[in-house]
Amino acid sequence: MKNLIKFASTIYFMDFKVDIEEAKERMKAWWDHEIIDRPVFSYYFPKKRGKLGAYLDIVGENWDLAQDHEEIENVLDGFEKRSEITYFGGESIPTYFPNYGPGIVASVFGIEPKFQSNTVWFSHPTKIEDITEYLESVKLNQNNEWYSRLLRITEYAAKRAGGNYTIAQTDLGGVLDTLSAFLGPTNIILTMKRKPEIIDTCRSIILEKLLHVYDKLQDIIDKYGDGCSSWLNVWCGKRSYPMQCDFSAMLNPKWFKRFALPDLVAQAEHLDYAIHHLDGPDAFHHLDSLLAEPAITGIQWVPGAGSAPMGSEVWISLYKKIQKAGKNLVIDASPEQVSNLYKNLDYKGLFVRTFYRTEYITNLYLPKFMGGNDGKLIFKARNWIEKQGKKKLTKEELEEFLILNGIELNNKFKKDLLKEINSSMTEKNLV
């Protein structure tokens, strides 16, 4: 049944996902490491051909709000239009993420965000002897420009969304990452060594206020809608958040346990569920410490540039290690990697997300438990052309392959299939 909401002078009829309640029930079970009727799987495809870019905006690649801080009405107009032409499959929940840039809580502490090169930067050089007093002086009230803005924009979005889609938390950032915007990495490291009590005091102040902002924003979201989400775009029926500490890449395991891990644990214990965003090879050596913490629900491992991508065969043993520790997994994978992940990993706690170019390609790739055929036709065609020592399939060769296998397709589907086969071969060669 379609929802009807009246907003300003405009009436919106929105029915972005007809099976949303079933998807939410599966996600509730997933957080608790349980399965209702099948594994969870999140996927998207554009309902209109040639509209794949809409998917990228849906999952948070839109920087409009970061560039124009008050432009929420037009931004939501665009989100709703893109959602109408996006198919939210499986456990993908329509969600709007207010993207002010990674770590916007730094602006609550008085740093003016700078949008540049498709991201947001925060910098406010502060002397060590002044930092504690500065952080303590920050008040979370209506006179605080960014605190007030986050509350106001979130409430506007939550009211407008109602039950039609979820409003995610903005990207608040991490404790040491926020402190780094004031002191810089070098000064933080030196102060950890010479005057660790200053770092401890700063961490305590930042964590307390970060959690306060989180609670206030989620209170607003809960008032008007159902559920919790974030830039990670993994829906939760209770309070959750993707914790992060990019600064941990600069810490050895001993200092990570001393200066970073306690805040992550405190944050996780403040929530009902918490996924840790482990970003890049320099942070990888902290994995064992994270896995040992009961309060941390799961891990999203992001290998970083120059490494095999998420979902790659290379990471299967690592994923198994994470699952053996009883943690959930969040993996963004390319379409050709999906079937291998579900074949090799425990379904419980496994969240895999991907996108497909067209509905036809979606039906070829979907896992069997979703009514698909695990991409067998695409893999068969790829193996056939590879045996001929080639890295690309031509139109003529596709025709030959289809005839050999007794397959008849219209020209539109042939075009889709050819593009997908060649794309998957390129992805394979990049790994």
Protein backbone atom coordinates (compact mmCIF):
# COMPACT_ATOMS: atom_id res chain seq x y z
CA MET A 1 0.00 0.00 0.00
CA LYS A 2 1.43 3.37 -0.98
CA ASN A 3 2.20 5.95 1.65
CA LEU A 4 0.86 9.45 1.31
CA ILE A 5 2.53 12.43 2.90
CA LYS A 6 1.87 16.11 2.45
CA PHE A 7 4.91 18.32 2.64
CA ALA A 8 4.73 22.06 2.04
CA SER A 9 2.52 22.36 -1.04
CA THR A 10 3.62 19.07 -2.59
CA ILE A 11 2.05 15.63 -2.21
CA TYR A 12 4.42 12.68 -2.50
CA PHE A 13 3.30 9.14 -3.28
CA MET A 14 6.21 6.86 -2.52
CA ASP A 15 6.44 3.11 -2.63
CA PHE A 16 10.13 2.50 -3.09
CA LYS A 17 10.15 -1.07 -1.75
CA VAL A 18 7.08 -3.28 -1.47
CA ASP A 19 8.74 -5.99 0.65
CA ILE A 20 10.34 -3.61 3.12
CA GLU A 21 8.85 -5.17 6.25
CA GLU A 22 10.15 -8.63 5.35
CA ALA A 23 13.57 -7.15 4.65
CA LYS A 24 13.62 -5.39 8.01
CA GLU A 25 12.74 -8.60 9.85
CA ARG A 26 15.64 -10.39 8.15
CA MET A 27 17.97 -7.54 9.08
CA LYS A 28 16.88 -7.66 12.71
CA ALA A 29 17.76 -11.35 12.75
CA TRP A 30 21.06 -10.69 10.95
CA TRP A 31 22.29 -8.34 13.67
CA ASP A 32 21.72 -11.14 16.19
CA HIS A 33 23.57 -13.63 14.00
CA GLU A 34 20.37 -15.45 13.10
CA ILE A 35 18.55 -16.42 9.90
CA ILE A 36 14.79 -16.37 9.36
CA ASP A 37 14.15 -17.99 5.97
CA ARG A 38 17.25 -17.27 3.87
CA PRO A 39 20.56 -15.40 4.07
CA VAL A 40 20.44 -11.62 3.79
CA PHE A 41 21.58 -10.07 0.52
CA SER A 42 21.38 -6.45 -0.59
CA TYR A 43 21.32 -5.43 -4.22
CA TYR A 44 20.22 -2.62 -6.52
CA PHE A 45 19.62 -2.08 -10.20
CA PRO A 46 18.24 0.87 -12.20
CA LYS A 47 14.66 0.43 -13.32
CA LYS A 48 15.46 2.56 -16.36
CA ARG A 49 18.29 1.63 -18.69
CA GLY A 50 21.31 3.92 -18.54
CA LYS A 51 20.48 5.24 -15.05
CA LEU A 52 23.19 3.42 -13.09
CA GLY A 53 24.50 6.73 -11.76
CA ALA A 54 21.35 7.05 -9.68
CA TYR A 55 22.55 4.11 -7.59
CA LEU A 56 25.75 5.95 -6.64
CA ASP A 57 23.77 8.91 -5.40
CA ILE A 58 21.46 6.61 -3.45
CA VAL A 59 24.35 5.08 -1.48
CA GLY A 60 25.92 8.39 -0.47
CA GLU A 61 28.14 9.61 -3.29
CA ASN A 62 26.13 12.80 -3.62
CA TRP A 63 28.03 15.82 -2.27
CA ASP A 64 25.31 18.44 -2.78
CA LEU A 65 24.69 18.96 0.93
CA ALA A 66 28.41 19.19 1.68
CA GLN A 67 28.65 22.02 -0.84
CA ASP A 68 25.46 23.83 0.13
CA HIS A 69 24.76 23.14 3.80
CA GLU A 70 21.13 24.24 3.83
CA GLU A 71 19.99 22.76 0.50
CA ILE A 72 18.14 19.83 2.08
CA GLU A 73 14.81 20.35 0.27
CA ASN A 74 16.31 20.15 -3.22
CA VAL A 75 18.63 17.34 -2.18
CA LEU A 76 15.68 15.26 -0.96
CA ASP A 77 13.78 16.06 -4.16
CA GLY A 78 16.67 14.51 -6.06
CA PHE A 79 16.95 11.53 -3.71
CA GLU A 80 13.27 10.70 -4.06
CA LYS A 81 13.40 10.94 -7.86
CA ARG A 82 16.41 8.64 -7.98
CA SER A 83 14.77 6.22 -5.57
CA GLU A 84 11.77 5.96 -7.86
CA ILE A 85 14.00 4.60 -10.65
CA THR A 86 16.10 2.36 -8.38
CA TYR A 87 15.12 -1.21 -7.54
CA PHE A 88 15.90 -1.97 -3.89
CA GLY A 89 16.41 -5.71 -3.87
CA GLY A 90 16.71 -8.13 -0.98
CA GLU A 91 17.74 -6.38 2.21
CA SER A 92 18.49 -3.01 0.66
CA ILE A 93 16.41 -0.48 2.59
CA PRO A 94 15.70 2.92 0.98
CA THR A 95 17.82 5.31 3.04
CA TYR A 96 18.84 8.93 2.71
CA PHE A 97 22.27 9.75 4.12
CA PRO A 98 22.87 13.46 4.90
CA ASN A 99 26.42 13.65 3.55
CA TYR A 100 28.27 16.59 5.07
CA GLY A 101 31.58 14.79 4.70
CA PRO A 102 33.44 12.22 6.83
CA GLY A 103 33.83 13.39 10.42
CA ILE A 104 31.44 16.34 10.55
CA VAL A 105 31.48 16.29 14.36
CA ALA A 106 34.71 18.28 13.96
CA SER A 107 32.51 21.16 12.82
CA VAL A 108 30.43 20.85 15.98
CA PHE A 109 33.74 21.60 17.71
CA GLY A 110 34.11 24.76 15.65
CA ILE A 111 35.99 23.77 12.49
CA GLU A 112 34.60 25.13 9.24
CA PRO A 113 34.47 22.24 6.75
CA LYS A 114 36.24 22.75 3.43
CA PHE A 115 34.86 20.91 0.40
CA GLN A 116 37.60 20.07 -2.06
CA SER A 117 38.40 17.23 -4.50
CA ASN A 118 35.10 15.46 -3.82
CA THR A 119 35.57 15.21 -0.09
CA VAL A 120 35.49 17.43 2.99
CA TRP A 121 38.55 18.51 4.96
CA PHE A 122 38.82 19.70 8.55
CA SER A 123 41.71 21.70 9.98
CA HIS A 124 42.02 24.08 12.92
CA PRO A 125 45.65 24.16 14.12
CA THR A 126 45.64 24.47 17.91
CA LYS A 127 48.50 24.54 20.42
CA ILE A 128 48.85 21.62 22.81
CA GLU A 129 48.59 23.93 25.83
CA ASP A 130 45.29 25.33 24.54
CA ILE A 131 43.49 22.25 23.26
CA THR A 132 41.84 21.02 26.47
CA GLU A 133 40.36 24.39 27.34
CA TYR A 134 39.19 24.85 23.75
CA LEU A 135 37.38 21.51 23.60
CA GLU A 136 35.80 22.02 27.01
CA SER A 137 34.48 25.42 25.95
CA VAL A 138 32.40 23.97 23.13
CA LYS A 139 28.72 24.04 24.08
CA LEU A 140 26.11 21.84 22.45
CA ASN A 141 23.25 24.29 22.19
CA GLN A 142 21.38 26.37 19.63
CA ASN A 143 24.24 28.89 19.55
CA ASN A 144 26.52 26.19 18.17
CA GLU A 145 26.14 26.65 14.41
CA TRP A 146 26.85 23.11 13.29
CA TYR A 147 25.15 21.35 16.19
CA SER A 148 22.04 23.40 15.49
CA ARG A 149 22.31 22.73 11.77
CA LEU A 150 22.61 18.96 12.15
CA LEU A 151 19.54 18.85 14.40
CA ARG A 152 17.53 21.07 12.08
CA ILE A 153 18.45 19.32 8.83
CA THR A 154 17.92 15.88 10.33
CA GLU A 155 14.48 16.85 11.64
CA TYR A 156 13.45 18.30 8.30
CA ALA A 157 14.54 15.14 6.51
CA ALA A 158 12.98 12.79 9.08
CA LYS A 159 9.64 14.61 8.98
CA ARG A 160 9.57 14.51 5.21
CA ALA A 161 10.63 10.87 4.96
CA GLY A 162 8.09 9.63 7.49
CA GLY A 163 7.76 5.91 6.91
CA ASN A 164 8.71 6.08 3.24
CA TYR A 165 12.43 5.77 3.74
CA THR A 166 15.01 5.84 6.51
CA ILE A 167 17.07 8.88 7.44
CA ALA A 168 20.61 7.88 8.29
CA GLN A 169 22.90 9.46 10.82
CA THR A 170 25.37 11.86 9.25
CA ASP A 171 29.04 10.79 9.31
CA LEU A 172 30.17 11.92 12.77
CA GLY A 173 33.69 10.51 12.54
CA GLY A 174 36.05 9.12 15.18
CA VAL A 175 37.56 10.48 18.39
CA LEU A 176 41.24 10.57 17.43
CA ASP A 177 40.36 11.61 13.89
CA THR A 178 38.57 14.65 15.31
CA LEU A 179 41.47 15.46 17.62
CA SER A 180 43.87 15.18 14.67
CA ALA A 181 42.04 18.02 12.93
CA PHE A 182 43.21 20.28 15.78
CA LEU A 183 46.65 18.97 16.67
CA GLY A 184 47.81 17.17 13.55
CA PRO A 185 49.18 13.60 13.54
CA THR A 186 52.74 14.46 14.56
CA ASN A 187 51.72 16.50 17.62
CA ILE A 188 49.30 13.81 18.72
CA ILE A 189 51.98 11.12 18.58
CA LEU A 190 54.49 13.29 20.44
CA THR A 191 51.93 14.20 23.10
CA MET A 192 50.94 10.55 23.53
CA LYS A 193 54.57 9.91 24.41
CA ARG A 194 55.33 13.00 26.50
CA LYS A 195 51.99 14.01 28.08
CA PRO A 196 49.49 11.19 27.56
CA GLU A 197 47.15 12.69 30.16
CA ILE A 198 46.38 15.55 27.75
CA ILE A 199 45.37 13.10 25.03
CA ASP A 200 43.24 11.18 27.54
CA THR A 201 41.40 14.32 28.60
CA CYS A 202 40.79 15.37 25.00
CA ARG A 203 39.54 11.90 24.08
CA SER A 204 37.11 11.95 26.98
CA ILE A 205 35.69 15.33 26.01
CA ILE A 206 35.31 14.44 22.33
CA LEU A 207 33.75 11.04 23.02
CA GLU A 208 31.20 12.45 25.45
CA LYS A 209 30.06 15.12 23.02
CA LEU A 210 30.15 12.82 20.00
CA LEU A 211 27.82 10.37 21.76
CA HIS A 212 25.57 13.25 22.82
CA VAL A 213 25.25 14.39 19.19
CA TYR A 214 24.55 10.82 18.08
CA ASP A 215 21.80 10.39 20.68
CA LYS A 216 20.10 13.67 19.84
CA LEU A 217 20.12 12.94 16.11
CA GLN A 218 18.82 9.41 16.58
CA ASP A 219 16.10 10.65 18.93
CA ILE A 220 14.86 12.85 16.08
CA ILE A 221 15.04 10.01 13.56
CA ASP A 222 13.19 7.65 15.90
CA LYS A 223 10.46 10.23 16.44
CA TYR A 224 9.41 10.25 12.79
CA GLY A 225 10.65 7.00 11.28
CA ASP A 226 11.57 3.39 11.82
CA GLY A 227 15.10 2.18 12.32
CA CYS A 228 18.66 3.36 12.28
CA SER A 229 21.24 3.66 9.51
CA SER A 230 24.41 5.50 8.54
CA TRP A 231 26.85 6.05 5.68
CA LEU A 232 27.44 2.28 5.82
CA ASN A 233 23.82 1.87 4.66
CA VAL A 234 23.08 -1.22 6.74
CA TRP A 235 19.65 -0.86 8.33
CA CYS A 236 19.15 -1.70 11.99
CA GLY A 237 16.00 -1.88 14.10
CA LYS A 238 17.89 -0.64 17.16
CA ARG A 239 20.73 1.83 17.70
CA SER A 240 23.87 1.13 15.73
CA TYR A 241 26.75 2.99 14.14
CA PRO A 242 29.87 2.19 12.08
CA MET A 243 32.76 3.04 14.36
CA GLN A 244 36.04 4.14 12.87
CA CYS A 245 39.51 5.35 13.77
CA ASP A 246 41.46 6.21 10.65
CA PHE A 247 44.19 7.55 12.91
CA SER A 248 44.83 3.97 14.06
CA ALA A 249 46.87 3.45 10.87
CA MET A 250 49.58 5.52 12.59
CA LEU A 251 49.56 3.53 15.84
CA ASN A 252 51.35 0.34 16.75
CA PRO A 253 49.25 -2.36 18.46
CA LYS A 254 50.34 -1.28 21.95
CA TRP A 255 49.37 2.35 21.44
CA PHE A 256 46.16 1.35 19.65
CA LYS A 257 45.09 -0.57 22.76
CA ARG A 258 46.12 2.34 24.95
CA PHE A 259 44.69 5.32 23.08
CA ALA A 260 42.12 4.12 20.52
CA LEU A 261 40.51 0.84 21.53
CA PRO A 262 38.99 2.05 24.84
CA ASP A 263 36.98 4.72 23.02
CA LEU A 264 35.80 2.24 20.40
CA VAL A 265 34.67 -0.16 23.12
CA ALA A 266 32.92 2.65 25.03
CA GLN A 267 31.16 3.70 21.85
CA ALA A 268 30.12 0.13 21.09
CA GLU A 269 28.80 -0.35 24.62
CA HIS A 270 26.76 2.83 24.23
CA LEU A 271 25.01 1.29 21.22
CA ASP A 272 22.93 -1.82 20.70
CA TYR A 273 25.15 -2.91 17.80
CA ALA A 274 28.40 -1.62 16.31
CA ILE A 275 30.28 -2.43 13.11
CA HIS A 276 33.92 -1.37 13.02
CA HIS A 277 35.09 0.16 9.75
CA LEU A 278 38.66 -1.18 9.42
CA ASP A 279 40.17 0.93 6.69
CA GLY A 280 43.37 0.12 4.84
CA PRO A 281 46.42 -2.14 5.25
CA ASP A 282 48.06 0.08 7.87
CA ALA A 283 45.13 -0.51 10.22
CA PHE A 284 44.94 -4.25 9.56
CA HIS A 285 47.26 -5.25 12.41
CA HIS A 286 44.62 -4.08 14.90
CA LEU A 287 42.12 -6.70 13.78
CA ASP A 288 42.85 -9.21 16.54
CA SER A 289 42.32 -6.59 19.23
CA LEU A 290 38.96 -5.67 17.69
CA LEU A 291 37.86 -9.29 17.35
CA ALA A 292 38.55 -9.87 21.04
CA GLU A 293 36.02 -7.23 22.12
CA PRO A 294 32.52 -8.65 22.83
CA ALA A 295 30.83 -5.26 22.41
CA ILE A 296 31.88 -4.97 18.76
CA THR A 297 29.25 -6.68 16.61
CA GLY A 298 31.07 -6.90 13.30
CA ILE A 299 33.77 -5.76 10.91
CA GLN A 300 33.83 -4.07 7.55
CA TRP A 301 37.32 -4.62 6.11
CA VAL A 302 38.26 -2.10 3.41
CA PRO A 303 41.57 -3.22 1.83
CA GLY A 304 42.46 0.16 0.33
CA ALA A 305 43.97 1.27 -2.96
CA GLY A 306 46.46 -1.11 -4.50
CA SER A 307 44.97 -4.19 -2.83
CA ALA A 308 42.45 -6.73 -4.04
CA PRO A 309 38.95 -5.23 -3.58
CA MET A 310 36.38 -6.18 -0.99
CA GLY A 311 34.79 -9.51 -1.79
CA SER A 312 37.83 -10.86 -3.61
CA GLU A 313 38.87 -14.50 -3.31
CA VAL A 314 42.05 -13.18 -1.67
CA TRP A 315 40.15 -12.25 1.49
CA ILE A 316 38.15 -15.45 2.03
CA SER A 317 40.50 -16.75 4.76
CA LEU A 318 40.35 -13.37 6.51
CA TYR A 319 36.56 -13.32 6.33
CA LYS A 320 36.50 -16.80 7.84
CA LYS A 321 38.72 -15.62 10.68
CA ILE A 322 36.34 -12.75 11.42
CA GLN A 323 33.36 -15.10 11.36
CA LYS A 324 35.15 -17.62 13.60
CA ALA A 325 35.43 -14.85 16.19
CA GLY A 326 31.63 -14.57 16.11
CA LYS A 327 31.55 -11.23 14.30
CA ASN A 328 29.24 -10.11 11.52
CA LEU A 329 30.66 -9.21 8.11
CA VAL A 330 29.73 -6.31 5.82
CA ILE A 331 31.09 -6.74 2.30
CA ASP A 332 30.56 -4.64 -0.81
CA ALA A 333 31.30 -6.89 -3.76
CA SER A 334 31.20 -6.83 -7.53
CA PRO A 335 28.44 -9.00 -9.09
CA GLU A 336 30.79 -11.82 -10.13
CA GLN A 337 32.12 -12.21 -6.57
CA VAL A 338 28.77 -12.70 -4.83
CA SER A 339 28.19 -16.40 -5.47
CA ASN A 340 31.70 -17.28 -4.30
CA LEU A 341 31.20 -15.41 -1.02
CA TYR A 342 27.99 -17.26 -0.21
CA LYS A 343 29.53 -20.60 -1.15
CA ASN A 344 32.57 -20.15 1.08
CA LEU A 345 31.30 -18.24 4.09
CA ASP A 346 28.81 -18.89 6.87
CA TYR A 347 25.44 -17.37 6.02
CA LYS A 348 24.93 -16.21 9.60
CA GLY A 349 26.06 -12.63 10.05
CA LEU A 350 27.05 -12.28 6.39
CA PHE A 351 25.86 -9.10 4.67
CA VAL A 352 26.87 -8.81 1.02
CA ARG A 353 25.87 -5.87 -1.15
CA THR A 354 26.23 -5.31 -4.88
CA PHE A 355 24.65 -3.52 -7.82
CA TYR A 356 23.69 -4.71 -11.29
CA ARG A 357 23.49 -2.78 -14.51
CA THR A 358 20.10 -4.05 -15.66
CA GLU A 359 17.23 -6.25 -14.50
CA TYR A 360 18.20 -8.94 -17.01
CA ILE A 361 21.76 -9.13 -15.66
CA THR A 362 20.37 -9.16 -12.12
CA ASN A 363 18.34 -12.28 -12.83
CA LEU A 364 21.41 -14.02 -14.26
CA TYR A 365 23.58 -13.23 -11.25
CA LEU A 366 21.26 -13.57 -8.26
CA PRO A 367 22.17 -16.35 -5.82
CA LYS A 368 20.02 -19.48 -5.99
CA PHE A 369 18.44 -18.68 -2.63
CA MET A 370 17.14 -15.49 -4.27
CA GLY A 371 15.76 -17.35 -7.30
CA GLY A 372 18.73 -16.68 -9.58
CA ASN A 373 21.36 -18.87 -11.21
CA ASP A 374 24.59 -17.68 -9.55
CA GLY A 375 25.89 -16.10 -12.75
CA LYS A 376 26.55 -19.47 -14.38
CA LEU A 377 25.79 -18.27 -17.91
CA ILE A 378 28.20 -15.35 -17.57
CA PHE A 379 30.95 -17.51 -16.07
CA LYS A 380 30.45 -20.14 -18.77
CA ALA A 381 30.81 -17.53 -21.51
CA ARG A 382 33.86 -16.07 -19.82
CA ASN A 383 35.54 -19.47 -19.51
CA TRP A 384 34.72 -20.24 -23.15
CA ILE A 385 36.45 -17.11 -24.45
CA GLU A 386 39.39 -17.46 -22.06
CA LYS A 387 40.09 -20.97 -23.37
CA GLN A 388 40.59 -19.33 -26.74
CA GLY A 389 43.31 -17.15 -25.23
CA LYS A 390 41.27 -13.96 -25.45
CA LYS A 391 40.44 -11.31 -22.86
CA LYS A 392 37.43 -9.81 -24.58
CA LEU A 393 34.30 -11.14 -26.26
CA THR A 394 33.13 -9.68 -29.56
CA LYS A 395 29.55 -9.49 -30.82
CA GLU A 396 30.26 -12.24 -33.33
CA GLU A 397 31.77 -14.49 -30.67
CA LEU A 398 28.77 -13.93 -28.41
CA GLU A 399 26.47 -15.01 -31.25
CA GLU A 400 28.57 -18.15 -31.69
CA PHE A 401 28.47 -18.89 -27.96
CA LEU A 402 24.69 -18.49 -27.80
CA ILE A 403 24.16 -20.77 -30.80
CA LEU A 404 26.47 -23.44 -29.33
CA ASN A 405 24.44 -23.39 -26.10
CA GLY A 406 21.02 -23.20 -27.75
CA ILE A 407 20.20 -19.80 -26.24
CA GLU A 408 17.98 -17.25 -27.94
CA LEU A 409 18.04 -13.63 -26.83
CA ASN A 410 16.68 -10.37 -28.19
CA ASN A 411 19.20 -7.70 -29.15
CA LYS A 412 18.69 -5.69 -25.97
CA PHE A 413 19.64 -8.63 -23.76
CA LYS A 414 22.54 -9.55 -26.03
CA LYS A 415 23.93 -6.07 -25.56
CA ASP A 416 23.55 -6.34 -21.78
CA LEU A 417 25.18 -9.76 -21.70
CA LEU A 418 28.14 -8.76 -23.86
CA LYS A 419 28.85 -5.71 -21.73
CA GLU A 420 28.62 -7.68 -18.48
CA ILE A 421 30.87 -10.53 -19.67
CA ASN A 422 33.59 -8.13 -20.77
CA SER A 423 33.23 -6.08 -17.61
CA SER A 424 33.57 -9.15 -15.38
CA MET A 425 36.67 -10.24 -17.29
CA THR A 426 38.21 -6.82 -16.70
CA GLU A 427 37.39 -7.03 -12.98
CA LYS A 428 39.04 -10.45 -12.83
CA ASN A 429 42.22 -9.19 -14.43
CA LEU A 430 42.44 -6.31 -11.93
CA VAL A 431 42.50 -8.63 -8.92
